[in-house]
Amino acid sequence: AGVNHVIMNLKYGQRPVEEVVEELGEEVVPHFPALTVK
């Protein structure tokens, strides 16, 4: 069991969305391994 999806609401942020998404990709996503279908 585990979490297979996450929702992030960037609507109320002060930074540009592109910047936040890039940072998430660099700093957060690498901590979650890709799942493979068996």
N, C-alpha and C. Protein backbone atom coordinates (compact mmCIF):
# COMPACT_ATOMS: atom_id res chain seq x y z
N ALA A 1 0.84 -1.18 0.00
CA ALA A 1 0.00 0.00 0.00
C ALA A 1 0.88 1.23 0.00
N GLY A 2 0.33 2.31 -0.54
CA GLY A 2 1.09 3.56 -0.59
C GLY A 2 0.33 4.62 -1.35
N VAL A 3 0.97 5.73 -1.53
CA VAL A 3 0.36 6.85 -2.25
C VAL A 3 0.82 6.80 -3.70
N ASN A 4 -0.12 6.83 -4.63
CA ASN A 4 0.21 6.79 -6.04
C ASN A 4 0.01 8.12 -6.74
N HIS A 5 -0.51 9.11 -6.03
CA HIS A 5 -0.73 10.41 -6.65
C HIS A 5 -0.74 11.51 -5.58
N VAL A 6 -0.44 12.71 -6.02
CA VAL A 6 -0.42 13.87 -5.13
C VAL A 6 -0.98 15.05 -5.91
N ILE A 7 -1.72 15.92 -5.24
CA ILE A 7 -2.22 17.15 -5.85
C ILE A 7 -1.54 18.32 -5.16
N MET A 8 -1.02 19.25 -5.94
CA MET A 8 -0.42 20.46 -5.38
C MET A 8 -1.15 21.66 -5.96
N ASN A 9 -1.70 22.49 -5.12
CA ASN A 9 -2.43 23.68 -5.55
C ASN A 9 -1.49 24.87 -5.49
N LEU A 10 -1.10 25.38 -6.65
CA LEU A 10 -0.15 26.49 -6.72
C LEU A 10 -0.86 27.83 -6.93
N LYS A 11 -2.17 27.84 -6.84
CA LYS A 11 -2.98 29.02 -7.16
C LYS A 11 -2.63 30.24 -6.32
N TYR A 12 -2.34 30.08 -5.06
CA TYR A 12 -2.16 31.22 -4.17
C TYR A 12 -0.69 31.55 -3.90
N GLY A 13 0.20 30.96 -4.64
CA GLY A 13 1.63 31.21 -4.44
C GLY A 13 2.04 32.58 -4.96
N GLN A 14 3.14 33.08 -4.46
CA GLN A 14 3.67 34.37 -4.87
C GLN A 14 4.70 34.25 -6.00
N ARG A 15 5.20 33.04 -6.22
CA ARG A 15 6.23 32.82 -7.24
C ARG A 15 5.59 32.37 -8.54
N PRO A 16 6.27 32.59 -9.66
CA PRO A 16 5.75 32.10 -10.95
C PRO A 16 5.60 30.58 -10.93
N VAL A 17 4.51 30.09 -11.50
CA VAL A 17 4.21 28.66 -11.50
C VAL A 17 5.35 27.87 -12.15
N GLU A 18 5.88 28.38 -13.26
CA GLU A 18 6.96 27.66 -13.95
C GLU A 18 8.15 27.44 -13.04
N GLU A 19 8.47 28.45 -12.23
CA GLU A 19 9.61 28.36 -11.31
C GLU A 19 9.35 27.30 -10.23
N VAL A 20 8.14 27.29 -9.71
CA VAL A 20 7.79 26.33 -8.65
C VAL A 20 7.80 24.91 -9.20
N VAL A 21 7.23 24.71 -10.38
CA VAL A 21 7.20 23.38 -10.99
C VAL A 21 8.62 22.89 -11.26
N GLU A 22 9.47 23.77 -11.75
CA GLU A 22 10.87 23.39 -11.99
C GLU A 22 11.56 22.97 -10.69
N GLU A 23 11.33 23.73 -9.63
CA GLU A 23 11.94 23.40 -8.34
C GLU A 23 11.41 22.07 -7.80
N LEU A 24 10.11 21.84 -7.94
CA LEU A 24 9.54 20.57 -7.51
C LEU A 24 10.20 19.41 -8.26
N GLY A 25 10.39 19.59 -9.56
CA GLY A 25 11.02 18.55 -10.37
C GLY A 25 12.46 18.27 -9.96
N GLU A 26 13.15 19.30 -9.53
CA GLU A 26 14.55 19.14 -9.14
C GLU A 26 14.73 18.66 -7.70
N GLU A 27 13.89 19.14 -6.80
CA GLU A 27 14.10 18.92 -5.37
C GLU A 27 13.19 17.88 -4.73
N VAL A 28 12.00 17.67 -5.29
CA VAL A 28 11.02 16.79 -4.64
C VAL A 28 10.84 15.47 -5.40
N VAL A 29 10.58 15.56 -6.68
CA VAL A 29 10.28 14.37 -7.49
C VAL A 29 11.36 13.29 -7.39
N PRO A 30 12.65 13.64 -7.39
CA PRO A 30 13.67 12.59 -7.31
C PRO A 30 13.58 11.70 -6.06
N HIS A 31 12.88 12.15 -5.04
CA HIS A 31 12.74 11.35 -3.81
C HIS A 31 11.67 10.26 -3.93
N PHE A 32 10.93 10.25 -5.05
CA PHE A 32 9.87 9.29 -5.26
C PHE A 32 10.20 8.43 -6.48
N PRO A 33 10.54 7.17 -6.26
CA PRO A 33 10.91 6.31 -7.40
C PRO A 33 9.72 6.05 -8.31
N ALA A 34 10.01 5.85 -9.58
CA ALA A 34 8.96 5.52 -10.54
C ALA A 34 8.40 4.14 -10.23
N LEU A 35 7.11 3.99 -10.38
CA LEU A 35 6.47 2.68 -10.18
C LEU A 35 6.45 1.94 -11.50
N THR A 36 6.64 0.64 -11.44
CA THR A 36 6.56 -0.18 -12.65
C THR A 36 5.35 -1.08 -12.54
N VAL A 37 4.71 -1.31 -13.67
CA VAL A 37 3.53 -2.18 -13.71
C VAL A 37 4.00 -3.61 -13.83
N LYS A 38 3.44 -4.49 -12.98
CA LYS A 38 3.83 -5.90 -13.01
C LYS A 38 2.78 -6.72 -13.68
